[in-house]
């Protein structure tokens, strides 16, 4: 799993590449999000366009991250969710929990 960070004003975009299927990937994502929150960055977009697959550990990490961001007064949004990952969100009903956008630009502009 590789994580690239890009800032758009006060919005952080984390582009994930690989599979989100447990250690150490889930820890890396969680640590990165917590680090942003500690730096006062509360609006975060996760670009999942290059995440090929995710299991329950990956879903748990996203839920925990969303909860942490909300508790700090921010919002976590997902962008470019692949069909495979989106089908997982549908099955688990998490499609109703996460705000998803077709691409990063739409997710970033939704904060305005």
PDB file of N, CA and C in Angstrom:
ATOM      1  N   UNK A   1       0.858  -1.183   0.000  1.00  0.00           N
ATOM      2  CA  UNK A   1       0.000   0.000   0.000  1.00  0.00           C
ATOM      3  C   UNK A   1       0.896   1.235   0.000  1.00  0.00           C
ATOM      4  N   UNK A   2       0.654   2.096  -0.965  1.00  0.00           N
ATOM      5  CA  UNK A   2       1.334   3.385  -0.952  1.00  0.00           C
ATOM      6  C   UNK A   2       0.283   4.466  -0.721  1.00  0.00           C
ATOM      7  N   UNK A   3       0.694   5.504   0.006  1.00  0.00           N
ATOM      8  CA  UNK A   3      -0.204   6.616   0.332  1.00  0.00           C
ATOM      9  C   UNK A   3       0.475   7.904  -0.099  1.00  0.00           C
ATOM     10  N   UNK A   4      -0.186   8.644  -0.977  1.00  0.00           N
ATOM     11  CA  UNK A   4       0.340   9.949  -1.400  1.00  0.00           C
ATOM     12  C   UNK A   4      -0.595  11.022  -0.878  1.00  0.00           C
ATOM     13  N   UNK A   5       0.005  12.069  -0.346  1.00  0.00           N
ATOM     14  CA  UNK A   5      -0.786  13.168   0.225  1.00  0.00           C
ATOM     15  C   UNK A   5      -0.649  14.403  -0.635  1.00  0.00           C
ATOM     16  N   UNK A   6      -1.775  15.076  -0.866  1.00  0.00           N
ATOM     17  CA  UNK A   6      -1.775  16.336  -1.596  1.00  0.00           C
ATOM     18  C   UNK A   6      -2.741  17.268  -0.888  1.00  0.00           C
ATOM     19  N   UNK A   7      -2.347  18.513  -0.736  1.00  0.00           N
ATOM     20  CA  UNK A   7      -3.200  19.484  -0.052  1.00  0.00           C
ATOM     21  C   UNK A   7      -3.876  20.411  -1.059  1.00  0.00           C
ATOM     22  N   UNK A   8      -5.167  20.638  -0.834  1.00  0.00           N
ATOM     23  CA  UNK A   8      -5.947  21.622  -1.600  1.00  0.00           C
ATOM     24  C   UNK A   8      -6.472  22.607  -0.569  1.00  0.00           C
ATOM     25  N   UNK A   9      -5.694  23.619  -0.282  1.00  0.00           N
ATOM     26  CA  UNK A   9      -6.067  24.551   0.786  1.00  0.00           C
ATOM     27  C   UNK A   9      -6.035  23.816   2.110  1.00  0.00           C
ATOM     28  N   UNK A  10      -7.189  23.762   2.791  1.00  0.00           N
ATOM     29  CA  UNK A  10      -7.250  23.069   4.088  1.00  0.00           C
ATOM     30  C   UNK A  10      -7.829  21.655   3.952  1.00  0.00           C
ATOM     31  N   UNK A  11      -7.839  21.135   2.724  1.00  0.00           N
ATOM     32  CA  UNK A  11      -8.369  19.788   2.474  1.00  0.00           C
ATOM     33  C   UNK A  11      -7.216  18.876   2.066  1.00  0.00           C
ATOM     34  N   UNK A  12      -7.081  17.760   2.775  1.00  0.00           N
ATOM     35  CA  UNK A  12      -6.043  16.784   2.444  1.00  0.00           C
ATOM     36  C   UNK A  12      -6.644  15.693   1.570  1.00  0.00           C
ATOM     37  N   UNK A  13      -5.938  15.352   0.496  1.00  0.00           N
ATOM     38  CA  UNK A  13      -6.346  14.230  -0.350  1.00  0.00           C
ATOM     39  C   UNK A  13      -5.286  13.149  -0.197  1.00  0.00           C
ATOM     40  N   UNK A  14      -5.724  11.986   0.270  1.00  0.00           N
ATOM     41  CA  UNK A  14      -4.823  10.848   0.397  1.00  0.00           C
ATOM     42  C   UNK A  14      -5.160   9.864  -0.723  1.00  0.00           C
ATOM     43  N   UNK A  15      -4.210   9.644  -1.610  1.00  0.00           N
ATOM     44  CA  UNK A  15      -4.398   8.690  -2.701  1.00  0.00           C
ATOM     45  C   UNK A  15      -3.792   7.359  -2.283  1.00  0.00           C
ATOM     46  N   UNK A  16      -4.638   6.351  -2.193  1.00  0.00           N
ATOM     47  CA  UNK A  16      -4.200   5.031  -1.767  1.00  0.00           C
ATOM     48  C   UNK A  16      -4.022   4.141  -2.991  1.00  0.00           C
ATOM     49  N   UNK A  17      -2.987   3.301  -2.948  1.00  0.00           N
ATOM     50  CA  UNK A  17      -2.741   2.378  -4.056  1.00  0.00           C
ATOM     51  C   UNK A  17      -2.388   1.014  -3.476  1.00  0.00           C
ATOM     52  N   UNK A  18      -3.103  -0.013  -3.920  1.00  0.00           N
ATOM     53  CA  UNK A  18      -2.861  -1.368  -3.433  1.00  0.00           C
ATOM     54  C   UNK A  18      -4.139  -1.958  -2.868  1.00  0.00           C
ATOM     55  N   UNK A  19      -3.984  -2.903  -1.956  1.00  0.00           N
ATOM     56  CA  UNK A  19      -5.130  -3.526  -1.296  1.00  0.00           C
ATOM     57  C   UNK A  19      -5.183  -3.087   0.155  1.00  0.00           C
ATOM     58  N   UNK A  20      -6.381  -2.900   0.667  1.00  0.00           N
ATOM     59  CA  UNK A  20      -6.573  -2.517   2.070  1.00  0.00           C
ATOM     60  C   UNK A  20      -7.118  -3.749   2.790  1.00  0.00           C
ATOM     61  N   UNK A  21      -6.177  -4.606   3.211  1.00  0.00           N
ATOM     62  CA  UNK A  21      -6.572  -5.919   3.721  1.00  0.00           C
ATOM     63  C   UNK A  21      -5.841  -6.286   5.015  1.00  0.00           C
ATOM     64  N   UNK A  22      -5.799  -5.391   5.965  1.00  0.00           N
ATOM     65  CA  UNK A  22      -5.169  -5.728   7.239  1.00  0.00           C
ATOM     66  C   UNK A  22      -3.788  -5.131   7.383  1.00  0.00           C
ATOM     67  N   UNK A  23      -3.050  -5.631   8.363  1.00  0.00           N
ATOM     68  CA  UNK A  23      -1.723  -5.085   8.679  1.00  0.00           C
ATOM     69  C   UNK A  23      -0.759  -5.336   7.533  1.00  0.00           C
ATOM     70  N   UNK A  24       0.201  -4.449   7.289  1.00  0.00           N
ATOM     71  CA  UNK A  24       0.395  -3.140   7.931  1.00  0.00           C
ATOM     72  C   UNK A  24      -0.374  -2.016   7.240  1.00  0.00           C
ATOM     73  N   UNK A  25      -1.082  -2.348   6.166  1.00  0.00           N
ATOM     74  CA  UNK A  25      -1.741  -1.309   5.367  1.00  0.00           C
ATOM     75  C   UNK A  25      -2.758  -0.498   6.157  1.00  0.00           C
ATOM     76  N   UNK A  26      -3.597  -1.191   6.926  1.00  0.00           N
ATOM     77  CA  UNK A  26      -4.638  -0.475   7.668  1.00  0.00           C
ATOM     78  C   UNK A  26      -4.016   0.444   8.718  1.00  0.00           C
ATOM     79  N   UNK A  27      -2.925  -0.002   9.337  1.00  0.00           N
ATOM     80  CA  UNK A  27      -2.237   0.829  10.332  1.00  0.00           C
ATOM     81  C   UNK A  27      -1.655   2.073   9.668  1.00  0.00           C
ATOM     82  N   UNK A  28      -1.070   1.910   8.483  1.00  0.00           N
ATOM     83  CA  UNK A  28      -0.486   3.051   7.768  1.00  0.00           C
ATOM     84  C   UNK A  28      -1.547   4.104   7.448  1.00  0.00           C
ATOM     85  N   UNK A  29      -2.695   3.661   6.971  1.00  0.00           N
ATOM     86  CA  UNK A  29      -3.782   4.582   6.628  1.00  0.00           C
ATOM     87  C   UNK A  29      -4.282   5.285   7.890  1.00  0.00           C
ATOM     88  N   UNK A  30      -4.521   4.506   8.938  1.00  0.00           N
ATOM     89  CA  UNK A  30      -5.011   5.062  10.200  1.00  0.00           C
ATOM     90  C   UNK A  30      -4.022   6.087  10.766  1.00  0.00           C
ATOM     91  N   UNK A  31      -2.743   5.731  10.789  1.00  0.00           N
ATOM     92  CA  UNK A  31      -1.716   6.644  11.314  1.00  0.00           C
ATOM     93  C   UNK A  31      -1.653   7.932  10.511  1.00  0.00           C
ATOM     94  N   UNK A  32      -1.780   7.825   9.193  1.00  0.00           N
ATOM     95  CA  UNK A  32      -1.721   9.010   8.337  1.00  0.00           C
ATOM     96  C   UNK A  32      -2.901   9.943   8.630  1.00  0.00           C
ATOM     97  N   UNK A  33      -4.079   9.371   8.783  1.00  0.00           N
ATOM     98  CA  UNK A  33      -5.265  10.187   9.065  1.00  0.00           C
ATOM     99  C   UNK A  33      -5.153  10.833  10.445  1.00  0.00           C
ATOM    100  N   UNK A  34      -4.707  10.081  11.445  1.00  0.00           N
ATOM    101  CA  UNK A  34      -4.550  10.639  12.790  1.00  0.00           C
ATOM    102  C   UNK A  34      -3.501  11.751  12.803  1.00  0.00           C
ATOM    103  N   UNK A  35      -2.454  11.580  12.013  1.00  0.00           N
ATOM    104  CA  UNK A  35      -1.412  12.605  11.910  1.00  0.00           C
ATOM    105  C   UNK A  35      -1.993  13.898  11.329  1.00  0.00           C
ATOM    106  N   UNK A  36      -2.829  13.776  10.297  1.00  0.00           N
ATOM    107  CA  UNK A  36      -3.483  14.964   9.722  1.00  0.00           C
ATOM    108  C   UNK A  36      -4.376  15.644  10.753  1.00  0.00           C
ATOM    109  N   UNK A  37      -5.137  14.844  11.497  1.00  0.00           N
ATOM    110  CA  UNK A  37      -6.028  15.412  12.514  1.00  0.00           C
ATOM    111  C   UNK A  37      -5.230  16.149  13.586  1.00  0.00           C
ATOM    112  N   UNK A  38      -4.098  15.592  13.972  1.00  0.00           N
ATOM    113  CA  UNK A  38      -3.267  16.252  14.990  1.00  0.00           C
ATOM    114  C   UNK A  38      -2.687  17.560  14.469  1.00  0.00           C
ATOM    115  N   UNK A  39      -2.506  17.649  13.150  1.00  0.00           N
ATOM    116  CA  UNK A  39      -2.016  18.888  12.541  1.00  0.00           C
ATOM    117  C   UNK A  39      -3.133  19.891  12.299  1.00  0.00           C
ATOM    118  N   UNK A  40      -4.364  19.536  12.702  1.00  0.00           N
ATOM    119  CA  UNK A  40      -5.491  20.457  12.566  1.00  0.00           C
ATOM    120  C   UNK A  40      -6.209  20.360  11.230  1.00  0.00           C
ATOM    121  N   UNK A  41      -5.869  19.365  10.429  1.00  0.00           N
ATOM    122  CA  UNK A  41      -6.539  19.187   9.137  1.00  0.00           C
ATOM    123  C   UNK A  41      -7.710  18.240   9.346  1.00  0.00           C
ATOM    124  N   UNK A  42      -8.921  18.772   9.145  1.00  0.00           N
ATOM    125  CA  UNK A  42     -10.130  18.014   9.489  1.00  0.00           C
ATOM    126  C   UNK A  42     -10.916  17.534   8.274  1.00  0.00           C
ATOM    127  N   UNK A  43     -10.633  18.088   7.115  1.00  0.00           N
ATOM    128  CA  UNK A  43     -11.352  17.679   5.905  1.00  0.00           C
ATOM    129  C   UNK A  43     -10.432  16.810   5.061  1.00  0.00           C
ATOM    130  N   UNK A  44     -10.824  15.559   4.898  1.00  0.00           N
ATOM    131  CA  UNK A  44      -9.965  14.577   4.250  1.00  0.00           C
ATOM    132  C   UNK A  44     -10.744  13.829   3.172  1.00  0.00           C
ATOM    133  N   UNK A  45     -10.113  13.699   2.008  1.00  0.00           N
ATOM    134  CA  UNK A  45     -10.663  12.900   0.913  1.00  0.00           C
ATOM    135  C   UNK A  45      -9.737  11.699   0.737  1.00  0.00           C
ATOM    136  N   UNK A  46     -10.327  10.519   0.716  1.00  0.00           N
ATOM    137  CA  UNK A  46      -9.560   9.319   0.402  1.00  0.00           C
ATOM    138  C   UNK A  46      -9.843   8.957  -1.056  1.00  0.00           C
ATOM    139  N   UNK A  47      -8.793   9.004  -1.874  1.00  0.00           N
ATOM    140  CA  UNK A  47      -8.909   8.624  -3.280  1.00  0.00           C
ATOM    141  C   UNK A  47      -8.669   7.115  -3.363  1.00  0.00           C
ATOM    142  N   UNK A  48      -9.741   6.372  -3.616  1.00  0.00           N
ATOM    143  CA  UNK A  48      -9.666   4.914  -3.643  1.00  0.00           C
ATOM    144  C   UNK A  48      -9.594   4.359  -5.064  1.00  0.00           C
ATOM    145  N   UNK A  49      -9.292   5.202  -6.030  1.00  0.00           N
ATOM    146  CA  UNK A  49      -9.265   4.787  -7.426  1.00  0.00           C
ATOM    147  C   UNK A  49      -8.293   3.656  -7.723  1.00  0.00           C
ATOM    148  N   UNK A  50      -7.224   3.556  -6.943  1.00  0.00           N
ATOM    149  CA  UNK A  50      -6.221   2.513  -7.195  1.00  0.00           C
ATOM    150  C   UNK A  50      -6.212   1.452  -6.095  1.00  0.00           C
ATOM    151  N   UNK A  51      -7.291   1.414  -5.311  1.00  0.00           N
ATOM    152  CA  UNK A  51      -7.443   0.331  -4.332  1.00  0.00           C
ATOM    153  C   UNK A  51      -8.190  -0.791  -5.038  1.00  0.00           C
ATOM    154  N   UNK A  52      -7.495  -1.918  -5.213  1.00  0.00           N
ATOM    155  CA  UNK A  52      -8.091  -3.021  -5.960  1.00  0.00           C
ATOM    156  C   UNK A  52      -9.092  -3.805  -5.119  1.00  0.00           C
ATOM    157  N   UNK A  53      -8.790  -4.017  -3.851  1.00  0.00           N
ATOM    158  CA  UNK A  53      -9.692  -4.790  -3.009  1.00  0.00           C
ATOM    159  C   UNK A  53      -9.554  -4.375  -1.560  1.00  0.00           C
ATOM    160  N   UNK A  54     -10.592  -4.683  -0.790  1.00  0.00           N
ATOM    161  CA  UNK A  54     -10.650  -4.309   0.612  1.00  0.00           C
ATOM    162  C   UNK A  54     -11.403  -5.414   1.341  1.00  0.00           C
ATOM    163  N   UNK A  55     -10.959  -5.744   2.552  1.00  0.00           N
ATOM    164  CA  UNK A  55     -11.699  -6.734   3.348  1.00  0.00           C
ATOM    165  C   UNK A  55     -12.282  -6.053   4.581  1.00  0.00           C
ATOM    166  N   UNK A  56     -12.739  -6.853   5.536  1.00  0.00           N
ATOM    167  CA  UNK A  56     -13.387  -6.285   6.725  1.00  0.00           C
ATOM    168  C   UNK A  56     -12.430  -5.408   7.529  1.00  0.00           C
ATOM    169  N   UNK A  57     -11.143  -5.736   7.539  1.00  0.00           N
ATOM    170  CA  UNK A  57     -10.168  -4.888   8.241  1.00  0.00           C
ATOM    171  C   UNK A  57     -10.089  -3.513   7.591  1.00  0.00           C
ATOM    172  N   UNK A  58     -10.100  -3.497   6.256  1.00  0.00           N
ATOM    173  CA  UNK A  58     -10.070  -2.230   5.535  1.00  0.00           C
ATOM    174  C   UNK A  58     -11.319  -1.410   5.796  1.00  0.00           C
ATOM    175  N   UNK A  59     -12.469  -2.072   5.772  1.00  0.00           N
ATOM    176  CA  UNK A  59     -13.731  -1.373   6.066  1.00  0.00           C
ATOM    177  C   UNK A  59     -13.724  -0.819   7.482  1.00  0.00           C
ATOM    178  N   UNK A  60     -13.234  -1.615   8.430  1.00  0.00           N
ATOM    179  CA  UNK A  60     -13.157  -1.174   9.826  1.00  0.00           C
ATOM    180  C   UNK A  60     -12.275   0.049   9.973  1.00  0.00           C
ATOM    181  N   UNK A  61     -11.178   0.063   9.230  1.00  0.00           N
ATOM    182  CA  UNK A  61     -10.266   1.212   9.260  1.00  0.00           C
ATOM    183  C   UNK A  61     -10.963   2.464   8.743  1.00  0.00           C
ATOM    184  N   UNK A  62     -11.720   2.338   7.653  1.00  0.00           N
ATOM    185  CA  UNK A  62     -12.433   3.496   7.097  1.00  0.00           C
ATOM    186  C   UNK A  62     -13.492   4.008   8.072  1.00  0.00           C
ATOM    187  N   UNK A  63     -14.196   3.082   8.714  1.00  0.00           N
ATOM    188  CA  UNK A  63     -15.227   3.486   9.683  1.00  0.00           C
ATOM    189  C   UNK A  63     -14.589   4.188  10.879  1.00  0.00           C
ATOM    190  N   UNK A  64     -13.496   3.623  11.392  1.00  0.00           N
ATOM    191  CA  UNK A  64     -12.794   4.240  12.529  1.00  0.00           C
ATOM    192  C   UNK A  64     -12.259   5.617  12.146  1.00  0.00           C
ATOM    193  N   UNK A  65     -11.724   5.733  10.937  1.00  0.00           N
ATOM    194  CA  UNK A  65     -11.189   7.017  10.473  1.00  0.00           C
ATOM    195  C   UNK A  65     -12.301   8.047  10.360  1.00  0.00           C
ATOM    196  N   UNK A  66     -13.444   7.630   9.794  1.00  0.00           N
ATOM    197  CA  UNK A  66     -14.562   8.557   9.649  1.00  0.00           C
ATOM    198  C   UNK A  66     -15.042   9.037  11.018  1.00  0.00           C
ATOM    199  N   UNK A  67     -15.106   8.131  11.971  1.00  0.00           N
ATOM    200  CA  UNK A  67     -15.534   8.491  13.322  1.00  0.00           C
ATOM    201  C   UNK A  67     -14.564   9.485  13.950  1.00  0.00           C
ATOM    202  N   UNK A  68     -13.270   9.235  13.811  1.00  0.00           N
ATOM    203  CA  UNK A  68     -12.259  10.140  14.372  1.00  0.00           C
ATOM    204  C   UNK A  68     -12.340  11.519  13.747  1.00  0.00           C
ATOM    205  N   UNK A  69     -12.514  11.563  12.435  1.00  0.00           N
ATOM    206  CA  UNK A  69     -12.595  12.845  11.728  1.00  0.00           C
ATOM    207  C   UNK A  69     -13.849  13.601  12.175  1.00  0.00           C
ATOM    208  N   UNK A  70     -14.976  12.898  12.277  1.00  0.00           N
ATOM    209  CA  UNK A  70     -16.225  13.540  12.728  1.00  0.00           C
ATOM    210  C   UNK A  70     -16.087  14.082  14.145  1.00  0.00           C
ATOM    211  N   UNK A  71     -15.435  13.311  15.024  1.00  0.00           N
ATOM    212  CA  UNK A  71     -15.257  13.744  16.409  1.00  0.00           C
ATOM    213  C   UNK A  71     -14.413  15.006  16.517  1.00  0.00           C
ATOM    214  N   UNK A  72     -13.591  15.264  15.509  1.00  0.00           N
ATOM    215  CA  UNK A  72     -12.763  16.482  15.486  1.00  0.00           C
ATOM    216  C   UNK A  72     -13.472  17.611  14.750  1.00  0.00           C
ATOM    217  N   UNK A  73     -14.713  17.357  14.299  1.00  0.00           N
ATOM    218  CA  UNK A  73     -15.476  18.395  13.618  1.00  0.00           C
ATOM    219  C   UNK A  73     -15.234  18.460  12.121  1.00  0.00           C
ATOM    220  N   UNK A  74     -14.649  17.422  11.566  1.00  0.00           N
ATOM    221  CA  UNK A  74     -14.359  17.417  10.136  1.00  0.00           C
ATOM    222  C   UNK A  74     -15.229  16.436   9.385  1.00  0.00           C
ATOM    223  N   UNK A  75     -14.834  16.176   8.134  1.00  0.00           N
ATOM    224  CA  UNK A  75     -15.607  15.264   7.307  1.00  0.00           C
ATOM    225  C   UNK A  75     -14.661  14.455   6.428  1.00  0.00           C
ATOM    226  N   UNK A  76     -14.913  13.152   6.373  1.00  0.00           N
ATOM    227  CA  UNK A  76     -14.142  12.238   5.528  1.00  0.00           C
ATOM    228  C   UNK A  76     -15.002  11.861   4.330  1.00  0.00           C
ATOM    229  N   UNK A  77     -14.447  12.022   3.128  1.00  0.00           N
ATOM    230  CA  UNK A  77     -15.179  11.685   1.905  1.00  0.00           C
ATOM    231  C   UNK A  77     -14.334  10.742   1.065  1.00  0.00           C
ATOM    232  N   UNK A  78     -14.999   9.935   0.259  1.00  0.00           N
ATOM    233  CA  UNK A  78     -14.320   8.973  -0.593  1.00  0.00           C
ATOM    234  C   UNK A  78     -14.486   9.372  -2.052  1.00  0.00           C
ATOM    235  N   UNK A  79     -13.425   9.176  -2.827  1.00  0.00           N
ATOM    236  CA  UNK A  79     -13.472   9.524  -4.251  1.00  0.00           C
ATOM    237  C   UNK A  79     -12.983   8.358  -5.101  1.00  0.00           C
ATOM    238  N   UNK A  80     -13.492   8.294  -6.318  1.00  0.00           N
ATOM    239  CA  UNK A  80     -13.039   7.309  -7.316  1.00  0.00           C
ATOM    240  C   UNK A  80     -13.089   5.880  -6.811  1.00  0.00           C
ATOM    241  N   UNK A  81     -14.177   5.519  -6.172  1.00  0.00           N
ATOM    242  CA  UNK A  81     -14.314   4.171  -5.615  1.00  0.00           C
ATOM    243  C   UNK A  81     -14.487   3.174  -6.772  1.00  0.00           C
ATOM    244  N   UNK A  82     -13.638   2.152  -6.809  1.00  0.00           N
ATOM    245  CA  UNK A  82     -13.709   1.153  -7.884  1.00  0.00           C
ATOM    246  C   UNK A  82     -14.990   0.325  -7.757  1.00  0.00           C
ATOM    247  N   UNK A  83     -15.367  -0.314  -8.847  1.00  0.00           N
ATOM    248  CA  UNK A  83     -16.597  -1.114  -8.854  1.00  0.00           C
ATOM    249  C   UNK A  83     -16.564  -2.220  -7.806  1.00  0.00           C
ATOM    250  N   UNK A  84     -15.416  -2.888  -7.677  1.00  0.00           N
ATOM    251  CA  UNK A  84     -15.291  -3.985  -6.703  1.00  0.00           C
ATOM    252  C   UNK A  84     -15.515  -3.475  -5.279  1.00  0.00           C
ATOM    253  N   UNK A  85     -14.855  -2.369  -4.953  1.00  0.00           N
ATOM    254  CA  UNK A  85     -14.971  -1.811  -3.597  1.00  0.00           C
ATOM    255  C   UNK A  85     -16.379  -1.265  -3.380  1.00  0.00           C
ATOM    256  N   UNK A  86     -16.944  -0.640  -4.410  1.00  0.00           N
ATOM    257  CA  UNK A  86     -18.299  -0.113  -4.279  1.00  0.00           C
ATOM    258  C   UNK A  86     -19.302  -1.243  -4.033  1.00  0.00           C
ATOM    259  N   UNK A  87     -19.104  -2.385  -4.681  1.00  0.00           N
ATOM    260  CA  UNK A  87     -20.016  -3.512  -4.460  1.00  0.00           C
ATOM    261  C   UNK A  87     -19.927  -3.987  -3.013  1.00  0.00           C
ATOM    262  N   UNK A  88     -18.745  -3.912  -2.429  1.00  0.00           N
ATOM    263  CA  UNK A  88     -18.567  -4.249  -1.017  1.00  0.00           C
ATOM    264  C   UNK A  88     -19.343  -3.261  -0.131  1.00  0.00           C
ATOM    265  N   UNK A  89     -19.289  -1.971  -0.484  1.00  0.00           N
ATOM    266  CA  UNK A  89     -20.051  -0.957   0.252  1.00  0.00           C
ATOM    267  C   UNK A  89     -21.555  -1.215   0.141  1.00  0.00           C
ATOM    268  N   UNK A  90     -22.002  -1.666  -1.034  1.00  0.00           N
ATOM    269  CA  UNK A  90     -23.426  -1.954  -1.239  1.00  0.00           C
ATOM    270  C   UNK A  90     -23.866  -3.133  -0.351  1.00  0.00           C
ATOM    271  N   UNK A  91     -23.090  -4.201  -0.393  1.00  0.00           N
ATOM    272  CA  UNK A  91     -23.425  -5.406   0.369  1.00  0.00           C
ATOM    273  C   UNK A  91     -23.502  -5.103   1.866  1.00  0.00           C
ATOM    274  N   UNK A  92     -22.552  -4.296   2.351  1.00  0.00           N
ATOM    275  CA  UNK A  92     -22.479  -4.005   3.785  1.00  0.00           C
ATOM    276  C   UNK A  92     -23.351  -2.809   4.184  1.00  0.00           C
ATOM    277  N   UNK A  93     -24.015  -2.194   3.196  1.00  0.00           N
ATOM    278  CA  UNK A  93     -24.858  -1.013   3.427  1.00  0.00           C
ATOM    279  C   UNK A  93     -24.051   0.221   3.835  1.00  0.00           C
ATOM    280  N   UNK A  94     -22.728   0.165   3.723  1.00  0.00           N
ATOM    281  CA  UNK A  94     -21.900   1.320   4.074  1.00  0.00           C
ATOM    282  C   UNK A  94     -21.987   2.420   3.028  1.00  0.00           C
ATOM    283  N   UNK A  95     -22.601   2.117   1.894  1.00  0.00           N
ATOM    284  CA  UNK A  95     -22.824   3.126   0.864  1.00  0.00           C
ATOM    285  C   UNK A  95     -23.696   4.256   1.425  1.00  0.00           C
ATOM    286  N   UNK A  96     -24.503   3.930   2.447  1.00  0.00           N
ATOM    287  CA  UNK A  96     -25.363   4.926   3.086  1.00  0.00           C
ATOM    288  C   UNK A  96     -24.611   5.749   4.133  1.00  0.00           C
ATOM    289  N   UNK A  97     -23.439   5.259   4.538  1.00  0.00           N
ATOM    290  CA  UNK A  97     -22.666   5.899   5.608  1.00  0.00           C
ATOM    291  C   UNK A  97     -21.625   6.862   5.045  1.00  0.00           C
ATOM    292  N   UNK A  98     -20.949   6.433   3.987  1.00  0.00           N
ATOM    293  CA  UNK A  98     -19.874   7.249   3.406  1.00  0.00           C
ATOM    294  C   UNK A  98     -20.402   8.123   2.281  1.00  0.00           C
ATOM    295  N   UNK A  99     -19.842   9.329   2.182  1.00  0.00           N
ATOM    296  CA  UNK A  99     -20.136  10.188   1.045  1.00  0.00           C
ATOM    297  C   UNK A  99     -19.101   9.863  -0.019  1.00  0.00           C
ATOM    298  N   UNK A 100     -19.578   9.420  -1.175  1.00  0.00           N
ATOM    299  CA  UNK A 100     -18.665   9.046  -2.254  1.00  0.00           C
ATOM    300  C   UNK A 100     -18.867   9.958  -3.459  1.00  0.00           C
ATOM    301  N   UNK A 101     -17.777  10.194  -4.172  1.00  0.00           N
ATOM    302  CA  UNK A 101     -17.781  11.077  -5.338  1.00  0.00           C
ATOM    303  C   UNK A 101     -17.059  10.394  -6.492  1.00  0.00           C
ATOM    304  N   UNK A 102     -17.434  10.752  -7.724  1.00  0.00           N
ATOM    305  CA  UNK A 102     -16.855  10.122  -8.914  1.00  0.00           C
ATOM    306  C   UNK A 102     -15.356  10.344  -9.007  1.00  0.00           C
ATOM    307  N   UNK A 103     -14.907  11.532  -8.588  1.00  0.00           N
ATOM    308  CA  UNK A 103     -13.471  11.831  -8.680  1.00  0.00           C
ATOM    309  C   UNK A 103     -13.052  12.782  -7.560  1.00  0.00           C
ATOM    310  N   UNK A 104     -11.757  12.989  -7.467  1.00  0.00           N
ATOM    311  CA  UNK A 104     -11.191  13.813  -6.389  1.00  0.00           C
ATOM    312  C   UNK A 104     -11.669  15.258  -6.490  1.00  0.00           C
ATOM    313  N   UNK A 105     -11.711  15.805  -7.694  1.00  0.00           N
ATOM    314  CA  UNK A 105     -12.125  17.217  -7.868  1.00  0.00           C
ATOM    315  C   UNK A 105     -13.529  17.451  -7.311  1.00  0.00           C
ATOM    316  N   UNK A 106     -14.440  16.538  -7.592  1.00  0.00           N
ATOM    317  CA  UNK A 106     -15.819  16.696  -7.079  1.00  0.00           C
ATOM    318  C   UNK A 106     -15.843  16.593  -5.572  1.00  0.00           C
ATOM    319  N   UNK A 107     -15.078  15.672  -5.019  1.00  0.00           N
ATOM    320  CA  UNK A 107     -15.031  15.504  -3.560  1.00  0.00           C
ATOM    321  C   UNK A 107     -14.475  16.761  -2.899  1.00  0.00           C
ATOM    322  N   UNK A 108     -13.398  17.310  -3.466  1.00  0.00           N
ATOM    323  CA  UNK A 108     -12.779  18.515  -2.900  1.00  0.00           C
ATOM    324  C   UNK A 108     -13.740  19.697  -3.002  1.00  0.00           C
ATOM    325  N   UNK A 109     -14.378  19.873  -4.152  1.00  0.00           N
ATOM    326  CA  UNK A 109     -15.276  21.022  -4.306  1.00  0.00           C
ATOM    327  C   UNK A 109     -16.535  20.883  -3.463  1.00  0.00           C
ATOM    328  N   UNK A 110     -16.862  19.686  -3.008  1.00  0.00           N
ATOM    329  CA  UNK A 110     -18.059  19.507  -2.174  1.00  0.00           C
ATOM    330  C   UNK A 110     -17.893  20.113  -0.783  1.00  0.00           C
ATOM    331  N   UNK A 111     -16.650  20.429  -0.388  1.00  0.00           N
ATOM    332  CA  UNK A 111     -16.423  21.055   0.925  1.00  0.00           C
ATOM    333  C   UNK A 111     -16.782  22.532   0.925  1.00  0.00           C
ATOM    334  N   UNK A 112     -16.904  23.145  -0.230  1.00  0.00           N
ATOM    335  CA  UNK A 112     -17.151  24.594  -0.285  1.00  0.00           C
ATOM    336  C   UNK A 112     -18.602  24.919  -0.070  1.00  0.00           C
TER     337      UNK A 112
END
